[in-house]
Amino acid sequence: MHSSLRRTLLLWLLVPLLLLFSVGTMVVYQLALNYAEDAYDRALYESANDIQQLAKESLKTSGRLELPSVAREILLADQHDKTFFSILNEHGTLIAGDGKLLLPTDDADSEDGTSYYDTAVNGEEVRAIATEFAADEAGQRHSWRILVGETRNKRESLAKDILTSFVVPQALVILIAAGLVILGVRRGLAPLDTLRESLARRSHNDMRPLDTPKVPVEVQPLLREINSLLTRLAAVFEAQQRFIADAAHQLRTPLAGLTAQTDLARAQSNPPQTQHALDQIKTVSTRLNHAVNQLLSLARNEPGADKSLRLEPIDLNELGRESTLEWVGQAVECGIDLGFEGAESPAVITGDSMRLKEMLDNLIDNALRYCPHGSTVTVRVGEGPTLCVEDNGPGIPPEERSGVFERFHRLLGNEADGNGLGLAIVREIAEMHGASVEVSEGADGRGALFRVKFPAMLPA
């Protein structure tokens, strides 16, 4: 499979961006949890310290450890979490509080006699603290342990708030960044799309160098190599064109002499066998002369030949009528009804009259060669403007239509004379004039309809 540059860039830019966002979100969330945990642990420590101070004050004033109910309610009041506390003596006996908190285990975090640990009360998770203090009671030294705990509602709520306040803006930033990345990749690769579209619109005859300043610097070396290749191909085509033209010119003179001598010999009184041989030579020389003329025509219309175009306003009605009249004699010999239908108004285009006549001659010649005796061929000028040649002959199978304009293409099973160059010449001349040529079924689904559509002539 071929890799996509656009897909590769997007993957290498967007995937790391999303990974960084995910990792950053998890790290920030964990840090937020740690900060929240530390803050609320300090609040627990302050509550335990306040209870300790009240206990010490009670021992000083009354000699007994007891907490006023009002002070206890103020210290432990919380609208979000349930709070619990216990005061135990050195024997583990409950002196004050609700007694719902368990003692910390040995593996609880402990520092300076203070331990933080997680426990549960009535199935709810609780964060608790355990501290110890010593004081005199009734003239004797005693130690007490204070346990304070609260459920985790505030902690979880704060963690969610922190996560939400971070993730939503971060997600918006990521979405904007992803959009900018996609837009940047698209804009960065836009010159390549423009180059592709320019190449797609080009004729196969167009060997001009590609325009390099409009593409990225990284692509310019590739374009320079492509331009170098196009230059070499143009030189090869030019050499091929010269060879075909020279060869055709070299063949025309002896062929003309052969045809003249054959006509002279046929005009004499000859035995039947000799006359038959001369007729065969005449037929072959005619075919060969036709092939040479088409080779010359192909050479004249090779890539680069558009520089020699003699452009002038041409009325397709006049062009079609004149060419049709020139082919009437041959059509009568073939037993084919050749007609012309002009447009109601002038169909004026800008073109080379000689080459356009050559194009129409090849279309008419093609129709006369492949249509059987008794067929009808019509040359028609239509709106657009268009130039059409329609027949009711055997037609062209749909699967063959895309290849009939290729050089030396012949329909399988067809015995008609031809070398497969006529329609190739038609396409070359049409493209030189910026026109398109296509073939379809004729009227009532019979025969073939060749349509050449020209660009409209702009008003002066």
Protein backbone atom coordinates (compact mmCIF):
# COMPACT_ATOMS: atom_id res chain seq x y z
CA MET A 1 0.00 0.00 0.00
CA HIS A 2 1.16 3.55 -0.77
CA SER A 3 1.56 5.77 2.28
CA SER A 4 -0.16 9.16 2.38
CA LEU A 5 2.00 12.16 3.22
CA ARG A 6 -1.03 14.00 4.62
CA ARG A 7 -2.00 11.03 6.80
CA THR A 8 1.58 10.58 8.00
CA LEU A 9 1.90 14.24 8.99
CA LEU A 10 -1.43 14.23 10.79
CA LEU A 11 -0.54 11.05 12.68
CA TRP A 12 2.86 12.35 13.77
CA LEU A 13 1.40 15.69 14.84
CA LEU A 14 -1.99 14.81 16.31
CA VAL A 15 -1.19 11.54 18.08
CA PRO A 16 1.68 13.00 20.17
CA LEU A 17 -0.52 16.02 20.90
CA LEU A 18 -3.31 13.78 22.22
CA LEU A 19 -0.83 11.66 24.18
CA LEU A 20 0.67 14.75 25.79
CA PHE A 21 -2.80 15.97 26.65
CA SER A 22 -3.72 12.63 28.25
CA VAL A 23 -0.49 12.37 30.21
CA GLY A 24 -0.70 16.02 31.26
CA THR A 25 -4.28 15.58 32.41
CA MET A 26 -3.38 12.53 34.54
CA VAL A 27 -0.32 14.27 36.05
CA VAL A 28 -2.24 17.45 36.88
CA TYR A 29 -5.12 15.45 38.30
CA GLN A 30 -2.78 13.46 40.51
CA LEU A 31 -1.02 16.61 41.68
CA ALA A 32 -4.39 18.21 42.40
CA LEU A 33 -5.41 15.19 44.45
CA ASN A 34 -2.17 15.34 46.42
CA TYR A 35 -2.58 19.06 47.11
CA ALA A 36 -6.20 18.57 48.16
CA GLU A 37 -5.23 15.63 50.36
CA ASP A 38 -2.47 17.67 52.06
CA ALA A 39 -4.79 20.65 52.58
CA TYR A 40 -7.54 18.61 54.20
CA ASP A 41 -5.02 16.59 56.21
CA ARG A 42 -3.78 19.87 57.68
CA ALA A 43 -7.37 20.77 58.49
CA LEU A 44 -7.74 17.42 60.28
CA TYR A 45 -4.53 18.13 62.19
CA GLU A 46 -5.88 21.54 63.26
CA SER A 47 -9.10 19.90 64.48
CA ALA A 48 -7.15 17.29 66.46
CA ASN A 49 -4.90 20.02 67.87
CA ASP A 50 -7.91 22.10 68.94
CA ILE A 51 -9.41 19.07 70.71
CA GLN A 52 -6.05 18.49 72.39
CA GLN A 53 -5.90 22.10 73.63
CA LEU A 54 -9.44 21.87 74.99
CA ALA A 55 -8.54 18.60 76.75
CA LYS A 56 -5.45 20.14 78.32
CA GLU A 57 -7.45 23.20 79.42
CA SER A 58 -10.04 20.90 80.99
CA LEU A 59 -7.33 19.05 82.94
CA LYS A 60 -5.91 22.32 84.26
CA THR A 61 -9.21 23.78 85.37
CA SER A 62 -11.13 20.78 86.64
CA GLY A 63 -8.47 18.14 86.96
CA ARG A 64 -10.54 15.91 84.68
CA LEU A 65 -10.49 15.41 80.93
CA GLU A 66 -13.84 16.45 79.47
CA LEU A 67 -14.98 18.43 76.45
CA PRO A 68 -17.83 20.92 76.54
CA SER A 69 -20.54 19.85 74.08
CA VAL A 70 -20.78 23.31 72.55
CA ALA A 71 -17.05 23.44 71.80
CA ARG A 72 -17.15 19.95 70.38
CA GLU A 73 -20.00 20.83 68.02
CA ILE A 74 -18.22 23.96 66.83
CA LEU A 75 -14.94 22.13 66.21
CA LEU A 76 -16.46 19.19 64.40
CA ALA A 77 -19.30 20.89 62.52
CA ASP A 78 -19.09 20.26 58.73
CA GLN A 79 -21.91 20.66 56.20
CA HIS A 80 -20.26 18.41 53.61
CA ASP A 81 -18.73 15.54 55.57
CA LYS A 82 -19.54 13.43 58.58
CA THR A 83 -16.95 13.86 61.35
CA PHE A 84 -15.94 11.45 64.06
CA PHE A 85 -13.62 11.71 67.06
CA SER A 86 -12.49 9.67 70.02
CA ILE A 87 -10.21 10.26 73.01
CA LEU A 88 -8.65 7.12 74.44
CA ASN A 89 -6.48 6.70 77.53
CA GLU A 90 -3.29 4.70 77.64
CA HIS A 91 -5.32 1.55 78.24
CA GLY A 92 -7.42 2.13 75.10
CA THR A 93 -10.52 3.02 77.07
CA LEU A 94 -12.85 5.54 75.45
CA ILE A 95 -12.84 8.75 77.49
CA ALA A 96 -14.81 11.00 75.10
CA GLY A 97 -16.22 10.98 71.60
CA ASP A 98 -18.28 8.51 69.56
CA GLY A 99 -15.73 5.69 69.53
CA LYS A 100 -16.42 4.82 65.88
CA LEU A 101 -12.88 5.27 64.57
CA LEU A 102 -10.49 2.35 64.50
CA LEU A 103 -6.91 2.73 65.64
CA PRO A 104 -4.28 3.16 62.90
CA THR A 105 -2.34 0.11 61.80
CA ASP A 106 1.40 -0.20 62.09
CA ASP A 107 1.93 0.69 58.40
CA ALA A 108 0.11 4.06 58.68
CA ASP A 109 2.07 7.22 57.81
CA SER A 110 3.48 8.53 61.07
CA GLU A 111 5.51 11.63 61.90
CA ASP A 112 6.24 13.09 65.38
CA GLY A 113 3.55 10.93 66.99
CA THR A 114 0.93 11.90 64.42
CA SER A 115 -0.47 9.29 62.04
CA TYR A 116 -2.66 9.74 58.98
CA TYR A 117 -4.58 6.73 57.76
CA ASP A 118 -7.63 5.58 55.82
CA THR A 119 -10.41 3.65 57.48
CA ALA A 120 -14.16 3.14 57.20
CA VAL A 121 -17.18 3.93 59.35
CA ASN A 122 -20.52 2.30 58.57
CA GLY A 123 -19.26 1.38 55.10
CA GLU A 124 -18.12 4.92 54.22
CA GLU A 125 -14.53 5.78 53.46
CA VAL A 126 -12.98 7.99 56.11
CA ARG A 127 -9.71 9.87 56.30
CA ALA A 128 -8.46 9.97 59.93
CA ILE A 129 -5.64 11.32 62.08
CA ALA A 130 -4.28 9.96 65.39
CA THR A 131 -2.24 12.13 67.79
CA GLU A 132 -0.94 11.56 71.32
CA PHE A 133 -0.36 13.92 74.24
CA ALA A 134 0.61 13.56 77.92
CA ALA A 135 -0.64 15.56 80.90
CA ASP A 136 -1.06 15.33 84.67
CA GLU A 137 -4.35 14.15 86.09
CA ALA A 138 -4.89 13.85 89.86
CA GLY A 139 -1.17 14.35 90.39
CA GLN A 140 -0.20 11.51 88.07
CA ARG A 141 1.23 11.58 84.57
CA HIS A 142 -1.08 10.06 81.94
CA SER A 143 -1.14 9.86 78.12
CA TRP A 144 -4.10 10.11 75.81
CA ARG A 145 -4.71 9.40 72.12
CA ILE A 146 -6.99 11.62 70.04
CA LEU A 147 -8.61 10.20 66.89
CA VAL A 148 -10.36 12.56 64.41
CA GLY A 149 -11.82 11.52 61.05
CA GLU A 150 -14.09 12.74 58.29
CA THR A 151 -15.66 11.26 55.19
CA ARG A 152 -14.10 12.07 51.82
CA ASN A 153 -16.91 14.10 50.19
CA LYS A 154 -15.08 17.44 50.18
CA ARG A 155 -11.90 15.85 48.90
CA GLU A 156 -13.62 14.09 45.99
CA SER A 157 -15.66 17.18 45.15
CA LEU A 158 -12.55 19.34 45.08
CA ALA A 159 -10.70 16.80 42.91
CA LYS A 160 -13.60 16.76 40.43
CA ASP A 161 -13.73 20.55 40.36
CA ILE A 162 -10.00 20.75 39.72
CA LEU A 163 -10.20 18.11 36.99
CA THR A 164 -13.16 19.82 35.31
CA SER A 165 -11.62 23.27 35.51
CA PHE A 166 -8.44 21.91 33.92
CA VAL A 167 -9.72 19.37 31.42
CA VAL A 168 -12.36 21.55 29.73
CA PRO A 169 -10.02 24.46 28.86
CA GLN A 170 -7.26 22.00 28.02
CA ALA A 171 -9.61 20.06 25.73
CA LEU A 172 -10.59 23.30 23.99
CA VAL A 173 -6.92 24.18 23.55
CA ILE A 174 -6.23 20.71 22.14
CA LEU A 175 -9.17 20.96 19.74
CA ILE A 176 -8.01 24.37 18.54
CA ALA A 177 -4.45 23.06 18.20
CA ALA A 178 -5.67 20.00 16.28
CA GLY A 179 -7.71 22.23 13.99
CA LEU A 180 -4.68 24.45 13.37
CA VAL A 181 -2.54 21.37 12.69
CA ILE A 182 -5.06 20.03 10.16
CA LEU A 183 -5.38 23.46 8.54
CA GLY A 184 -1.61 23.86 8.47
CA VAL A 185 -1.08 20.46 6.87
CA ARG A 186 -3.79 21.18 4.34
CA ARG A 187 -2.37 24.60 3.49
CA GLY A 188 1.15 23.21 3.40
CA LEU A 189 0.19 20.48 0.94
CA ALA A 190 -2.11 22.71 -1.14
CA PRO A 191 0.64 23.47 -3.71
CA LEU A 192 0.99 19.72 -4.30
CA ASP A 193 -2.76 19.44 -4.94
CA THR A 194 -2.53 22.39 -7.34
CA LEU A 195 0.37 20.73 -9.10
CA ARG A 196 -1.58 17.45 -9.35
CA GLU A 197 -4.62 19.22 -10.82
CA SER A 198 -2.40 21.07 -13.29
CA LEU A 199 -0.85 17.81 -14.44
CA ALA A 200 -4.28 16.15 -14.69
CA ARG A 201 -5.50 18.93 -17.00
CA ARG A 202 -2.48 18.69 -19.25
CA SER A 203 -2.60 17.11 -22.66
CA HIS A 204 -0.30 14.16 -23.21
CA ASN A 205 1.31 16.32 -25.88
CA ASP A 206 2.25 19.08 -23.44
CA MET A 207 5.94 18.76 -22.61
CA ARG A 208 6.41 22.22 -21.09
CA PRO A 209 8.41 22.33 -17.83
CA LEU A 210 6.41 22.44 -14.61
CA ASP A 211 6.28 25.69 -12.67
CA THR A 212 8.61 25.26 -9.63
CA PRO A 213 8.51 28.55 -7.62
CA LYS A 214 4.97 27.86 -6.35
CA VAL A 215 5.79 24.55 -4.67
CA PRO A 216 7.62 23.97 -1.36
CA VAL A 217 11.41 23.99 -1.37
CA GLU A 218 11.48 20.30 -0.41
CA VAL A 219 9.59 19.36 -3.59
CA GLN A 220 11.55 21.53 -6.01
CA PRO A 221 14.40 19.01 -6.51
CA LEU A 222 11.80 16.42 -7.53
CA LEU A 223 10.18 18.89 -9.94
CA ARG A 224 13.54 19.79 -11.43
CA GLU A 225 14.15 16.11 -12.17
CA ILE A 226 10.66 15.79 -13.67
CA ASN A 227 11.32 18.87 -15.82
CA SER A 228 14.60 17.35 -16.92
CA LEU A 229 12.75 14.17 -17.86
CA LEU A 230 10.13 16.18 -19.78
CA THR A 231 12.90 17.97 -21.67
CA ARG A 232 14.47 14.65 -22.65
CA LEU A 233 11.09 13.23 -23.67
CA ALA A 234 10.38 16.34 -25.76
CA ALA A 235 13.71 15.83 -27.52
CA VAL A 236 12.88 12.17 -28.14
CA PHE A 237 9.43 13.07 -29.51
CA GLU A 238 10.94 15.74 -31.71
CA ALA A 239 13.49 13.28 -33.08
CA GLN A 240 10.72 10.75 -33.64
CA GLN A 241 8.63 13.38 -35.37
CA ARG A 242 11.51 14.33 -37.67
CA PHE A 243 12.17 10.69 -38.45
CA ILE A 244 8.53 9.98 -39.33
CA ALA A 245 8.33 13.13 -41.44
CA ASP A 246 11.60 12.40 -43.25
CA ALA A 247 10.67 8.77 -43.83
CA ALA A 248 7.23 9.72 -45.12
CA HIS A 249 8.67 12.35 -47.44
CA GLN A 250 11.22 9.87 -48.73
CA LEU A 251 8.44 7.37 -49.41
CA ARG A 252 6.07 9.78 -51.14
CA THR A 253 8.25 10.33 -54.23
CA PRO A 254 8.79 6.67 -55.15
CA LEU A 255 5.17 5.90 -54.28
CA ALA A 256 3.97 8.65 -56.59
CA GLY A 257 6.20 7.24 -59.35
CA LEU A 258 4.94 3.71 -58.67
CA THR A 259 1.33 4.86 -58.83
CA ALA A 260 1.91 6.76 -62.10
CA GLN A 261 3.70 3.82 -63.70
CA THR A 262 0.98 1.44 -62.51
CA ASP A 263 -1.74 3.66 -64.00
CA LEU A 264 0.22 3.82 -67.26
CA ALA A 265 0.61 0.04 -67.38
CA ARG A 266 -3.07 -0.53 -66.58
CA ALA A 267 -4.03 1.72 -69.48
CA GLN A 268 -2.28 -0.65 -71.96
CA SER A 269 -3.72 -3.85 -73.41
CA ASN A 270 -2.62 -6.51 -70.95
CA PRO A 271 -3.38 -10.17 -70.52
CA PRO A 272 -5.98 -10.85 -67.80
CA GLN A 273 -3.40 -12.14 -65.32
CA THR A 274 -1.15 -9.12 -65.84
CA GLN A 275 -4.13 -6.79 -65.56
CA HIS A 276 -5.15 -8.45 -62.28
CA ALA A 277 -1.62 -8.08 -60.91
CA LEU A 278 -1.54 -4.40 -61.89
CA ASP A 279 -4.90 -3.84 -60.19
CA GLN A 280 -3.52 -5.40 -57.01
CA ILE A 281 -0.43 -3.20 -57.22
CA LYS A 282 -2.69 -0.18 -57.64
CA THR A 283 -4.72 -1.15 -54.56
CA VAL A 284 -1.65 -1.74 -52.43
CA SER A 285 0.03 1.48 -53.57
CA THR A 286 -3.14 3.42 -52.76
CA ARG A 287 -3.22 1.94 -49.24
CA LEU A 288 0.47 2.63 -48.80
CA ASN A 289 0.09 6.20 -50.01
CA HIS A 290 -2.79 6.69 -47.56
CA ALA A 291 -0.65 5.33 -44.69
CA VAL A 292 2.25 7.61 -45.64
CA ASN A 293 -0.03 10.64 -45.74
CA GLN A 294 -1.40 9.78 -42.31
CA LEU A 295 2.11 9.34 -40.92
CA LEU A 296 2.96 12.78 -42.27
CA SER A 297 -0.20 14.16 -40.70
CA LEU A 298 0.66 12.52 -37.38
CA ALA A 299 4.16 14.01 -37.52
CA ARG A 300 2.72 17.50 -38.21
CA ASN A 301 0.48 17.24 -35.17
CA GLU A 302 2.93 15.78 -32.64
CA PRO A 303 3.72 17.62 -29.38
CA GLY A 304 5.01 21.10 -30.09
CA ALA A 305 3.15 21.38 -33.38
CA ASP A 306 0.72 23.91 -31.83
CA LYS A 307 3.44 26.54 -32.34
CA SER A 308 2.86 26.33 -36.09
CA LEU A 309 -0.91 26.80 -35.89
CA ARG A 310 -2.32 29.52 -38.13
CA LEU A 311 -5.29 30.66 -36.09
CA GLU A 312 -8.15 32.52 -37.70
CA PRO A 313 -11.95 32.70 -37.34
CA ILE A 314 -13.54 29.69 -39.05
CA ASP A 315 -17.22 28.94 -39.61
CA LEU A 316 -17.76 25.21 -39.04
CA ASN A 317 -20.74 25.33 -41.42
CA GLU A 318 -18.50 26.27 -44.34
CA LEU A 319 -15.79 23.84 -43.30
CA GLY A 320 -18.25 20.96 -42.96
CA ARG A 321 -20.02 21.69 -46.25
CA GLU A 322 -16.79 21.92 -48.29
CA SER A 323 -15.29 18.75 -46.83
CA THR A 324 -18.51 16.79 -47.29
CA LEU A 325 -18.72 17.79 -50.97
CA GLU A 326 -15.16 16.58 -51.55
CA TRP A 327 -16.06 13.12 -50.21
CA VAL A 328 -19.35 12.69 -52.08
CA GLY A 329 -17.70 10.95 -55.03
CA GLN A 330 -15.99 8.33 -52.89
CA ALA A 331 -19.19 7.86 -50.88
CA VAL A 332 -21.11 7.12 -54.11
CA GLU A 333 -18.48 4.55 -55.10
CA CYS A 334 -18.96 2.86 -51.71
CA GLY A 335 -22.75 2.95 -52.04
CA ILE A 336 -23.09 5.17 -48.98
CA ASP A 337 -25.45 8.15 -48.57
CA LEU A 338 -23.25 11.05 -47.37
CA GLY A 339 -25.05 14.21 -46.24
CA PHE A 340 -24.48 17.47 -44.40
CA GLU A 341 -26.63 19.31 -41.82
CA GLY A 342 -25.48 22.80 -40.91
CA ALA A 343 -26.38 24.88 -37.87
CA GLU A 344 -29.06 27.55 -38.16
CA SER A 345 -26.58 30.26 -37.16
CA PRO A 346 -22.85 30.68 -37.88
CA ALA A 347 -20.71 28.40 -35.69
CA VAL A 348 -17.50 30.41 -35.55
CA ILE A 349 -14.39 29.17 -33.78
CA THR A 350 -10.72 30.14 -33.78
CA GLY A 351 -8.55 27.51 -35.42
CA ASP A 352 -6.23 26.35 -38.17
CA SER A 353 -8.41 25.70 -41.22
CA MET A 354 -6.00 23.22 -42.83
CA ARG A 355 -5.71 21.08 -39.72
CA LEU A 356 -9.44 21.22 -38.93
CA LYS A 357 -10.24 20.10 -42.48
CA GLU A 358 -7.72 17.29 -42.02
CA MET A 359 -9.48 16.28 -38.79
CA LEU A 360 -12.92 16.21 -40.45
CA ASP A 361 -11.53 14.33 -43.47
CA ASN A 362 -10.26 11.61 -41.15
CA LEU A 363 -13.66 11.33 -39.44
CA ILE A 364 -15.48 11.04 -42.77
CA ASP A 365 -12.87 8.62 -44.14
CA ASN A 366 -13.21 6.48 -41.01
CA ALA A 367 -17.02 6.35 -41.40
CA LEU A 368 -16.86 5.45 -45.11
CA ARG A 369 -14.30 2.69 -44.49
CA TYR A 370 -16.21 0.91 -41.73
CA CYS A 371 -19.81 1.35 -42.92
CA PRO A 372 -21.26 -1.32 -45.24
CA HIS A 373 -22.94 -0.68 -48.60
CA GLY A 374 -26.28 1.12 -48.19
CA SER A 375 -25.34 2.95 -44.95
CA THR A 376 -25.92 6.62 -44.19
CA VAL A 377 -23.23 9.03 -42.97
CA THR A 378 -24.14 12.55 -41.82
CA VAL A 379 -21.82 15.45 -41.07
CA ARG A 380 -23.55 17.79 -38.64
CA VAL A 381 -22.72 21.15 -37.04
CA GLY A 382 -24.43 21.81 -33.72
CA GLU A 383 -24.55 24.20 -30.79
CA GLY A 384 -21.61 24.48 -28.48
CA PRO A 385 -20.20 24.67 -31.11
CA THR A 386 -19.80 21.02 -32.04
CA LEU A 387 -18.82 19.12 -35.15
CA CYS A 388 -20.33 15.63 -35.47
CA VAL A 389 -20.02 12.71 -37.87
CA GLU A 390 -22.75 10.12 -37.40
CA ASP A 391 -23.36 6.83 -39.19
CA ASN A 392 -25.71 3.87 -38.90
CA GLY A 393 -23.03 1.26 -39.48
CA PRO A 394 -21.88 -1.53 -37.16
CA GLY A 395 -20.91 0.88 -34.36
CA ILE A 396 -18.21 0.51 -31.72
CA PRO A 397 -18.64 -1.74 -28.67
CA PRO A 398 -18.67 0.25 -25.38
CA GLU A 399 -15.57 -1.55 -24.09
CA GLU A 400 -13.63 -0.48 -27.20
CA ARG A 401 -14.57 3.21 -27.22
CA SER A 402 -11.88 4.38 -24.81
CA GLY A 403 -9.14 2.92 -27.03
CA VAL A 404 -10.22 3.88 -30.53
CA PHE A 405 -8.28 7.16 -30.38
CA GLU A 406 -5.00 5.37 -29.63
CA ARG A 407 -2.49 4.94 -32.42
CA PHE A 408 -2.69 1.74 -34.45
CA HIS A 409 -5.81 0.62 -32.57
CA ARG A 410 -7.98 -1.68 -34.66
CA LEU A 411 -11.32 -3.21 -33.72
CA LEU A 412 -11.10 -6.97 -33.36
CA GLY A 413 -12.89 -8.91 -36.07
CA ASN A 414 -13.11 -5.95 -38.45
CA GLU A 415 -11.73 -6.55 -41.94
CA ALA A 416 -12.04 -2.98 -43.24
CA ASP A 417 -9.02 -1.16 -44.66
CA GLY A 418 -7.20 1.07 -42.21
CA ASN A 419 -4.02 1.44 -40.20
CA GLY A 420 -5.43 2.74 -36.91
CA LEU A 421 -4.03 6.26 -37.26
CA GLY A 422 -7.05 8.29 -38.44
CA LEU A 423 -8.77 8.72 -35.08
CA ALA A 424 -5.44 9.32 -33.33
CA ILE A 425 -4.90 12.24 -35.71
CA VAL A 426 -8.43 13.47 -34.95
CA ARG A 427 -7.67 13.55 -31.22
CA GLU A 428 -4.31 15.28 -31.70
CA ILE A 429 -5.82 18.07 -33.82
CA ALA A 430 -8.82 18.47 -31.50
CA GLU A 431 -6.60 18.85 -28.42
CA MET A 432 -4.39 21.36 -30.25
CA HIS A 433 -7.52 23.52 -30.56
CA GLY A 434 -8.60 23.01 -26.96
CA ALA A 435 -11.48 20.78 -28.07
CA SER A 436 -12.62 17.42 -26.75
CA VAL A 437 -13.60 14.42 -28.88
CA GLU A 438 -15.80 11.51 -27.84
CA VAL A 439 -17.65 8.61 -29.42
CA SER A 440 -21.05 7.20 -28.54
CA GLU A 441 -23.95 5.33 -30.10
CA GLY A 442 -25.73 6.92 -33.03
CA ALA A 443 -29.44 7.62 -33.33
CA ASP A 444 -31.77 4.82 -32.19
CA GLY A 445 -28.79 3.02 -30.63
CA ARG A 446 -27.27 2.19 -34.02
CA GLY A 447 -23.92 3.05 -35.56
CA ALA A 448 -21.41 5.50 -34.08
CA LEU A 449 -21.50 9.21 -33.34
CA PHE A 450 -18.19 11.10 -33.16
CA ARG A 451 -18.58 14.50 -31.53
CA VAL A 452 -15.89 17.22 -31.39
CA LYS A 453 -16.80 19.98 -28.96
CA PHE A 454 -14.93 23.29 -29.35
CA PRO A 455 -14.59 26.06 -26.78
CA ALA A 456 -16.88 28.97 -27.58
CA MET A 457 -15.24 31.93 -29.29
CA LEU A 458 -15.13 34.94 -26.97
CA PRO A 459 -16.80 38.10 -28.36
CA ALA A 460 -14.40 40.78 -29.56
